[in-house]
Amino acid sequence: MSKPLIETCASSTVEIMAQINFEGNILPISWFQHLIFENGKPDTISILLLSDIVYWYRPTIVRDEQTGQALGHQKKFKADLLQKNYSDYENLFGFTKKQIRDAFVRLENLGLVKRVFRTIETSYGPKGNVMFIELYPYKLIDITHKLPPINFKVNRGVHVSEEPSTCKSTEGDIDVQIYTENTPEITTQTTHRARYSNIALNMKKIWDQLVGENTASASLDRFLQKQLECSLTTHFNSNLESWKSYCDTIAQSDFLMGGGERGWKATLDWAIEPKNIRKVLDGNFSNNEEASLVSSEAEVDESTLEFHSAEDRAFKLALLERLGSRTFQNWFSNCYLQKIQGGAAILSVSKDFMMTYLPQKFWQEILWAIKTKVDASVFRFDCVMEQGFLDTMPLILDRKMERRNTEIT
């Protein structure tokens, strides 16, 4: 008996597909869950840009011509960073320059990439404002592989339909009978959904306790639930304590709690917008900066801090003075100054510190603390994870930035 035509056609298609070698940009499906707009829809432009950046940062394998053995890997571009401009992506993807620029801003807000503008030497002389792109692999790992575990428990009663549906092909007299299974009673428990619901509920509860009683408290619908989960993962490294500290910062701000001229109060929807998160963490809504620093210093007992050297002590106390106790305790208590060599400071940090945008966000404060309190000749810093892997932060300054940052006081 010959095989059904449908099965034969499907097998032929699979065999043909096996002969096609797909190369180039890759779009992990998980990116469509992490790179999203405020309405929960995928940010397709940012996803496409990131896929191309990742392609160029993926190394090529170098093989021996005679033995065929892999000798190692090398990067696809010449400079230390990938050199691209908006016109390159405008021609590649067909988006406008504004769309591409805005997408880069969103990728930077998520801590995935950073645009670095330099002056380079060409055969025609110096050329300024040349764009390079730095990729942060730890954040890339986070959005690519960080998915909730799934544990399905299924209890089902199976009933086979007595009357099969018949699909007739246009060639020959082959009748393909397809039996369907009717499952009238299926009980499925998706524990990952329940876990996410609990996360959103806990975030909402913390907000209501610290802020919500004085503001318009939003109802927790599915859309807000997804926004909260995304915000916790992207901006607070899945740490509810960091979210709690963030809510407390809002509650301590007179302006955000309705103390402004118009009486406007921060809402939960407003608080989880990426641009507003960064503004709050930057201290843009603090009441009195000087009073805040004084009270913050009193809150932290120096004897509770761990210092690895005199230089580390000076570095940490400078950061504490600059950032305040709340920010310091949340993000820098486990960070320490390891050593200084060749104009670069080596910081020992945790994996969580590296996987967030913290090094990019606080690089000016970190550099200020090192230059003013430890060694004025330092012009960059590198972060060493606890496991010992060295990753250079975007602080290799070009001449223009170096001159500007040496004036930081």
Protein backbone atom coordinates (compact mmCIF):
# COMPACT_ATOMS: atom_id res chain seq x y z
CA MET A 1 0.00 0.00 0.00
CA SER A 2 1.43 3.37 -1.00
CA LYS A 3 1.96 6.11 1.55
CA PRO A 4 -0.69 8.82 1.78
CA LEU A 5 0.04 11.79 -0.46
CA ILE A 6 -0.04 14.28 2.42
CA GLU A 7 2.60 12.35 4.37
CA THR A 8 4.78 12.02 1.26
CA CYS A 9 4.60 15.74 0.52
CA ALA A 10 5.45 16.62 4.12
CA SER A 11 8.44 14.28 4.13
CA SER A 12 9.72 15.76 0.86
CA THR A 13 9.48 19.26 2.26
CA VAL A 14 11.42 18.29 5.37
CA GLU A 15 14.10 16.59 3.26
CA ILE A 16 14.47 19.68 1.09
CA MET A 17 14.65 21.93 4.15
CA ALA A 18 17.46 19.76 5.51
CA GLN A 19 19.58 20.81 2.53
CA ILE A 20 19.23 24.53 3.25
CA ASN A 21 21.92 26.09 5.42
CA PHE A 22 20.44 29.04 7.30
CA GLU A 23 22.89 31.73 8.36
CA GLY A 24 22.76 35.30 9.54
CA ASN A 25 20.56 37.01 12.10
CA ILE A 26 18.75 34.94 14.73
CA LEU A 27 15.51 35.93 16.46
CA PRO A 28 15.01 33.94 19.71
CA ILE A 29 11.31 33.75 20.47
CA SER A 30 11.99 34.78 24.08
CA TRP A 31 12.98 38.25 22.87
CA PHE A 32 9.36 38.84 21.89
CA GLN A 33 8.43 38.45 25.56
CA HIS A 34 11.12 40.76 26.96
CA LEU A 35 11.44 43.46 24.28
CA ILE A 36 7.95 44.88 24.45
CA PHE A 37 6.20 48.25 24.47
CA GLU A 38 4.21 49.55 27.41
CA ASN A 39 1.05 48.02 25.90
CA GLY A 40 2.65 44.56 25.95
CA LYS A 41 3.18 44.32 22.17
CA PRO A 42 6.60 43.16 20.86
CA ASP A 43 9.07 45.90 19.96
CA THR A 44 9.87 44.49 16.51
CA ILE A 45 12.25 47.26 15.46
CA SER A 46 14.39 46.84 18.58
CA ILE A 47 14.34 43.07 18.12
CA LEU A 48 15.59 43.34 14.54
CA LEU A 49 18.31 45.81 15.49
CA LEU A 50 19.46 43.61 18.36
CA SER A 51 19.54 40.54 16.12
CA ASP A 52 21.92 42.27 13.71
CA ILE A 53 24.14 43.57 16.50
CA VAL A 54 24.30 40.08 18.01
CA TYR A 55 25.21 38.63 14.60
CA TRP A 56 28.24 40.90 14.31
CA TYR A 57 29.34 40.13 17.87
CA ARG A 58 29.09 36.38 17.33
CA PRO A 59 32.65 35.19 16.59
CA THR A 60 33.68 33.18 13.55
CA ILE A 61 35.55 29.90 13.95
CA VAL A 62 39.07 29.78 12.50
CA ARG A 63 40.07 26.34 11.21
CA ASP A 64 43.39 24.92 10.08
CA GLU A 65 43.49 24.58 6.29
CA GLN A 66 45.29 21.22 6.37
CA THR A 67 43.87 19.41 9.40
CA GLY A 68 40.47 21.08 9.48
CA GLN A 69 40.70 21.41 13.26
CA ALA A 70 39.32 24.49 14.96
CA LEU A 71 42.12 26.81 16.02
CA GLY A 72 40.01 29.40 17.80
CA HIS A 73 37.58 32.19 17.13
CA GLN A 74 37.87 35.79 15.99
CA LYS A 75 35.55 38.78 15.79
CA LYS A 76 33.96 39.95 12.57
CA PHE A 77 35.00 43.61 12.87
CA LYS A 78 38.34 45.38 13.30
CA ALA A 79 37.78 47.89 16.13
CA ASP A 80 37.15 47.05 19.77
CA LEU A 81 33.47 47.92 19.25
CA LEU A 82 31.08 47.44 16.35
CA GLN A 83 30.96 50.53 14.11
CA LYS A 84 27.51 51.25 12.67
CA ASN A 85 25.37 54.28 11.90
CA TYR A 86 21.67 54.94 11.54
CA SER A 87 21.88 54.97 7.74
CA ASP A 88 23.23 51.41 7.73
CA TYR A 89 20.09 50.14 9.45
CA GLU A 90 17.87 52.50 7.49
CA ASN A 91 19.03 50.81 4.28
CA LEU A 92 19.04 47.31 5.77
CA PHE A 93 15.59 47.22 7.37
CA GLY A 94 13.74 50.09 5.68
CA PHE A 95 12.90 51.97 8.88
CA THR A 96 13.26 55.73 9.23
CA LYS A 97 16.23 57.23 11.00
CA LYS A 98 14.00 58.40 13.86
CA GLN A 99 12.54 54.92 14.33
CA ILE A 100 16.04 53.46 14.50
CA ARG A 101 17.29 56.11 16.91
CA ASP A 102 14.29 55.63 19.20
CA ALA A 103 14.80 51.86 19.13
CA PHE A 104 18.42 52.33 20.23
CA VAL A 105 17.22 54.45 23.13
CA ARG A 106 14.85 51.67 24.21
CA LEU A 107 17.62 49.07 23.96
CA GLU A 108 19.88 51.29 26.06
CA ASN A 109 17.16 51.75 28.68
CA LEU A 110 16.99 47.96 28.97
CA GLY A 111 20.75 47.76 29.45
CA LEU A 112 21.35 45.68 26.31
CA VAL A 113 23.51 48.03 24.25
CA LYS A 114 25.19 51.41 24.46
CA ARG A 115 26.03 53.87 21.71
CA VAL A 116 29.55 55.26 21.95
CA PHE A 117 30.48 58.29 19.84
CA ARG A 118 34.15 58.77 19.03
CA THR A 119 36.52 60.80 16.92
CA ILE A 120 38.51 58.54 14.59
CA GLU A 121 41.46 59.12 12.28
CA THR A 122 40.82 58.64 8.56
CA SER A 123 42.87 59.18 5.42
CA TYR A 124 41.12 62.55 5.12
CA GLY A 125 41.87 63.56 8.70
CA PRO A 126 39.90 63.35 11.97
CA LYS A 127 36.22 62.43 11.72
CA GLY A 128 34.03 63.16 14.71
CA ASN A 129 30.79 61.79 16.08
CA VAL A 130 31.34 58.28 14.68
CA MET A 131 28.92 55.82 16.25
CA PHE A 132 30.04 52.52 17.77
CA ILE A 133 27.81 49.99 19.50
CA GLU A 134 28.68 48.09 22.66
CA LEU A 135 26.74 44.91 23.46
CA TYR A 136 26.22 43.72 27.04
CA PRO A 137 26.22 39.90 26.90
CA TYR A 138 24.97 39.27 30.44
CA LYS A 139 21.75 41.17 29.85
CA LEU A 140 21.45 39.37 26.51
CA ILE A 141 21.67 36.05 28.35
CA ASP A 142 18.98 37.28 30.70
CA ILE A 143 16.40 37.99 27.98
CA THR A 144 17.35 34.95 25.89
CA HIS A 145 17.35 32.16 28.45
CA LYS A 146 15.41 33.52 31.42
CA LEU A 147 12.01 31.84 31.10
CA PRO A 148 9.75 30.45 33.83
CA PRO A 149 9.69 26.67 34.36
CA ILE A 150 6.55 24.89 33.21
CA ASN A 151 4.95 22.11 35.19
CA PHE A 152 1.76 20.76 33.66
CA LYS A 153 -0.48 18.32 35.50
CA VAL A 154 -3.05 16.96 33.08
CA ASN A 155 -5.98 14.70 33.93
CA ARG A 156 -7.95 13.81 30.86
CA GLY A 157 -10.58 11.39 29.65
CA VAL A 158 -10.02 10.48 26.01
CA HIS A 159 -12.90 9.78 23.67
CA VAL A 160 -12.16 8.74 20.07
CA SER A 161 -14.67 10.08 17.58
CA GLU A 162 -16.54 7.25 15.85
CA GLU A 163 -16.86 9.14 12.57
CA PRO A 164 -13.51 10.09 11.06
CA SER A 165 -13.15 13.21 8.95
CA THR A 166 -12.03 12.43 5.41
CA CYS A 167 -9.53 14.44 3.40
CA LYS A 168 -9.45 13.55 -0.30
CA SER A 169 -6.52 14.43 -2.52
CA THR A 170 -6.97 15.58 -6.07
CA GLU A 171 -4.70 12.82 -7.41
CA GLY A 172 -5.63 9.13 -7.30
CA ASP A 173 -8.20 7.42 -5.12
CA ILE A 174 -6.45 7.85 -1.77
CA ASP A 175 -8.71 8.57 1.17
CA VAL A 176 -6.80 9.94 4.15
CA GLN A 177 -8.75 9.30 7.34
CA ILE A 178 -7.93 11.57 10.26
CA TYR A 179 -9.24 10.52 13.67
CA THR A 180 -9.63 13.27 16.24
CA GLU A 181 -9.54 12.87 20.00
CA ASN A 182 -12.24 14.69 21.91
CA THR A 183 -11.18 15.53 25.46
CA PRO A 184 -14.28 16.89 27.18
CA GLU A 185 -12.74 17.14 30.64
CA ILE A 186 -9.20 18.45 30.82
CA THR A 187 -7.77 19.89 34.02
CA THR A 188 -4.50 21.71 33.43
CA GLN A 189 -2.53 23.52 36.08
CA THR A 190 0.05 25.97 34.81
CA THR A 191 2.22 26.68 37.77
CA HIS A 192 4.30 29.27 35.95
CA ARG A 193 1.22 31.44 35.43
CA ALA A 194 0.34 31.15 39.09
CA ARG A 195 3.89 32.10 40.01
CA TYR A 196 3.77 35.16 37.80
CA SER A 197 0.43 36.13 39.27
CA ASN A 198 1.92 35.91 42.75
CA ILE A 199 4.82 38.12 41.71
CA ALA A 200 2.49 40.78 40.34
CA LEU A 201 0.25 40.54 43.40
CA ASN A 202 3.22 40.95 45.73
CA MET A 203 4.44 43.96 43.77
CA LYS A 204 0.96 45.47 43.89
CA LYS A 205 0.70 44.78 47.63
CA ILE A 206 4.05 46.49 48.30
CA TRP A 207 2.95 49.48 46.24
CA ASP A 208 -0.36 49.76 48.08
CA GLN A 209 1.34 49.52 51.48
CA LEU A 210 4.02 52.13 50.80
CA VAL A 211 2.44 54.42 48.22
CA GLY A 212 -1.05 53.35 47.19
CA GLU A 213 -2.88 54.60 50.24
CA ASN A 214 -2.04 58.17 49.22
CA THR A 215 -2.46 57.77 45.47
CA ALA A 216 -4.97 56.42 43.00
CA SER A 217 -4.39 52.67 43.27
CA ALA A 218 -4.69 50.85 39.95
CA SER A 219 -6.61 47.60 39.58
CA LEU A 220 -4.52 44.54 38.73
CA ASP A 221 -5.68 43.41 35.31
CA ARG A 222 -3.79 41.09 32.94
CA PHE A 223 -2.17 44.00 31.14
CA LEU A 224 -0.85 45.60 34.33
CA GLN A 225 0.24 42.18 35.58
CA LYS A 226 2.43 41.68 32.51
CA GLN A 227 3.88 45.18 32.86
CA LEU A 228 4.78 44.59 36.51
CA GLU A 229 6.46 41.27 35.76
CA CYS A 230 8.45 42.79 32.91
CA SER A 231 9.48 45.77 35.05
CA LEU A 232 10.69 43.59 37.92
CA THR A 233 12.79 41.45 35.58
CA THR A 234 14.19 44.28 33.49
CA HIS A 235 14.85 47.03 36.04
CA PHE A 236 15.00 45.32 39.44
CA ASN A 237 16.73 42.03 38.57
CA SER A 238 13.68 40.02 39.77
CA ASN A 239 14.31 41.27 43.31
CA LEU A 240 11.23 42.28 45.31
CA GLU A 241 13.40 44.02 47.93
CA SER A 242 14.71 46.34 45.23
CA TRP A 243 11.14 47.02 44.14
CA LYS A 244 10.20 47.74 47.75
CA SER A 245 13.07 50.21 48.08
CA TYR A 246 11.98 51.87 44.84
CA CYS A 247 8.40 52.26 46.09
CA ASP A 248 9.73 53.68 49.36
CA THR A 249 11.77 56.23 47.41
CA ILE A 250 8.58 57.39 45.70
CA ALA A 251 6.73 57.55 49.02
CA GLN A 252 9.48 59.77 50.48
CA SER A 253 9.20 62.30 47.64
CA ASP A 254 6.89 65.20 48.45
CA PHE A 255 6.48 66.03 44.77
CA LEU A 256 5.52 62.47 43.74
CA MET A 257 3.07 62.26 46.63
CA GLY A 258 1.14 65.35 45.57
CA GLY A 259 3.22 68.12 47.12
CA GLY A 260 3.69 70.02 43.86
CA GLU A 261 1.78 73.11 42.77
CA ARG A 262 -0.77 71.09 40.79
CA GLY A 263 -1.13 68.35 43.39
CA TRP A 264 -0.24 65.60 40.91
CA LYS A 265 0.47 62.19 42.48
CA ALA A 266 2.46 59.32 41.03
CA THR A 267 0.42 56.32 39.95
CA LEU A 268 1.51 52.71 39.59
CA ASP A 269 1.26 52.96 35.80
CA TRP A 270 3.55 55.97 35.87
CA ALA A 271 6.00 54.33 38.27
CA ILE A 272 6.72 51.31 36.06
CA GLU A 273 7.53 53.28 32.92
CA PRO A 274 11.26 52.75 32.17
CA LYS A 275 12.05 56.46 31.77
CA ASN A 276 10.38 57.27 35.10
CA ILE A 277 12.17 54.44 36.89
CA ARG A 278 15.50 55.89 35.85
CA LYS A 279 14.47 59.39 36.91
CA VAL A 280 13.42 58.21 40.36
CA LEU A 281 16.59 56.15 40.84
CA ASP A 282 18.66 59.12 39.67
CA GLY A 283 17.17 61.15 42.53
CA ASN A 284 15.36 63.64 40.30
CA PHE A 285 12.43 63.82 42.72
CA SER A 286 14.31 63.98 46.03
CA ASN A 287 13.04 66.59 48.50
CA ASN A 288 16.22 68.24 49.74
CA GLU A 289 19.44 66.79 48.45
CA GLU A 290 21.64 68.09 51.27
CA ALA A 291 19.22 67.06 54.00
CA SER A 292 18.77 63.71 52.31
CA LEU A 293 22.50 63.07 52.32
CA VAL A 294 22.87 64.02 55.97
CA SER A 295 20.07 61.73 57.07
CA SER A 296 21.35 58.98 54.83
CA GLU A 297 24.80 59.14 56.39
CA ALA A 298 23.25 58.84 59.83
CA GLU A 299 21.27 55.77 58.78
CA VAL A 300 24.36 53.71 57.86
CA ASP A 301 26.75 52.61 60.59
CA GLU A 302 30.26 52.49 59.15
CA SER A 303 31.05 49.48 61.34
CA THR A 304 28.47 47.45 59.41
CA LEU A 305 30.29 47.98 56.12
CA GLU A 306 32.98 45.59 54.93
CA PHE A 307 36.20 47.18 53.65
CA HIS A 308 38.92 45.22 51.85
CA SER A 309 41.54 47.98 51.90
CA ALA A 310 42.04 51.63 52.70
CA GLU A 311 41.35 52.46 49.06
CA ASP A 312 38.15 50.40 49.13
CA ARG A 313 37.03 52.23 52.29
CA ALA A 314 37.59 55.64 50.69
CA PHE A 315 35.77 54.48 47.56
CA LYS A 316 32.72 53.15 49.40
CA LEU A 317 32.34 56.10 51.74
CA ALA A 318 32.53 58.44 48.75
CA LEU A 319 29.79 56.48 46.99
CA LEU A 320 27.70 56.49 50.16
CA GLU A 321 28.03 60.26 50.37
CA ARG A 322 27.23 60.72 46.69
CA LEU A 323 24.31 58.31 46.35
CA GLY A 324 22.77 58.14 49.81
CA SER A 325 22.27 55.12 52.02
CA ARG A 326 19.25 53.64 50.24
CA THR A 327 20.87 53.42 46.81
CA PHE A 328 24.22 52.39 48.26
CA GLN A 329 22.78 49.55 50.35
CA ASN A 330 20.66 48.26 47.48
CA TRP A 331 23.30 48.19 44.76
CA PHE A 332 26.83 48.71 46.10
CA SER A 333 27.10 46.98 49.48
CA ASN A 334 28.63 43.86 47.86
CA CYS A 335 30.84 45.78 45.45
CA TYR A 336 34.44 46.60 46.36
CA LEU A 337 37.53 48.20 44.84
CA GLN A 338 40.02 45.42 44.18
CA LYS A 339 43.03 47.28 42.74
CA ILE A 340 44.18 50.00 40.36
CA GLN A 341 46.54 49.31 37.49
CA GLY A 342 47.43 51.17 34.30
CA GLY A 343 44.88 53.92 34.83
CA ALA A 344 42.07 51.40 35.30
CA ALA A 345 40.29 50.53 38.52
CA ILE A 346 39.24 46.89 39.00
CA LEU A 347 35.92 46.44 40.82
CA SER A 348 34.70 43.13 42.19
CA VAL A 349 30.94 42.86 41.66
CA SER A 350 28.20 40.26 41.80
CA LYS A 351 26.60 38.58 38.81
CA ASP A 352 23.37 40.45 39.49
CA PHE A 353 25.25 43.75 39.34
CA MET A 354 26.63 42.85 35.91
CA MET A 355 23.31 41.63 34.49
CA THR A 356 21.53 44.92 35.17
CA TYR A 357 22.19 48.36 33.73
CA LEU A 358 23.83 49.54 36.98
CA PRO A 359 27.40 49.92 35.67
CA GLN A 360 26.08 52.05 32.81
CA LYS A 361 23.68 54.00 35.01
CA PHE A 362 26.12 54.89 37.82
CA TRP A 363 29.38 55.02 35.87
CA GLN A 364 29.82 58.76 36.51
CA GLU A 365 29.34 58.34 40.26
CA ILE A 366 31.69 55.34 40.36
CA LEU A 367 34.37 57.15 38.39
CA TRP A 368 33.93 60.28 40.50
CA ALA A 369 34.42 58.34 43.75
CA ILE A 370 37.60 56.70 42.44
CA LYS A 371 39.12 59.84 40.91
CA THR A 372 38.41 62.20 43.81
CA LYS A 373 39.02 59.89 46.78
CA VAL A 374 41.47 57.23 45.58
CA ASP A 375 43.50 58.01 42.44
CA ALA A 376 43.03 61.03 40.19
CA SER A 377 44.86 59.32 37.29
CA VAL A 378 42.12 56.70 36.83
CA PHE A 379 40.14 57.21 33.62
CA ARG A 380 38.14 53.95 33.41
CA PHE A 381 37.04 50.96 35.46
CA ASP A 382 36.56 47.27 34.76
CA CYS A 383 34.20 44.93 36.58
CA VAL A 384 35.27 41.47 37.70
CA MET A 385 32.50 39.04 38.56
CA GLU A 386 32.78 36.92 41.68
CA GLN A 387 33.52 33.94 39.43
CA GLY A 388 36.54 35.82 38.11
CA PHE A 389 35.37 36.65 34.59
CA LEU A 390 36.55 40.06 33.44
CA ASP A 391 34.17 42.25 31.54
CA THR A 392 35.08 45.76 30.44
CA MET A 393 32.42 48.35 31.05
CA PRO A 394 31.74 51.13 28.53
CA LEU A 395 34.26 53.40 30.17
CA ILE A 396 37.15 53.35 27.73
CA LEU A 397 36.84 57.05 27.18
CA ASP A 398 37.83 58.79 23.98
CA ARG A 399 39.96 61.92 24.26
CA LYS A 400 36.98 64.27 24.37
CA MET A 401 35.17 62.38 27.15
CA GLU A 402 38.39 61.86 29.07
CA ARG A 403 39.05 65.60 29.18
CA ARG A 404 35.50 66.23 30.29
CA ASN A 405 35.45 63.61 33.03
CA THR A 406 38.77 64.66 34.53
CA GLU A 407 36.90 67.79 35.60
CA ILE A 408 34.38 65.78 37.68
CA THR A 409 34.46 66.96 41.27
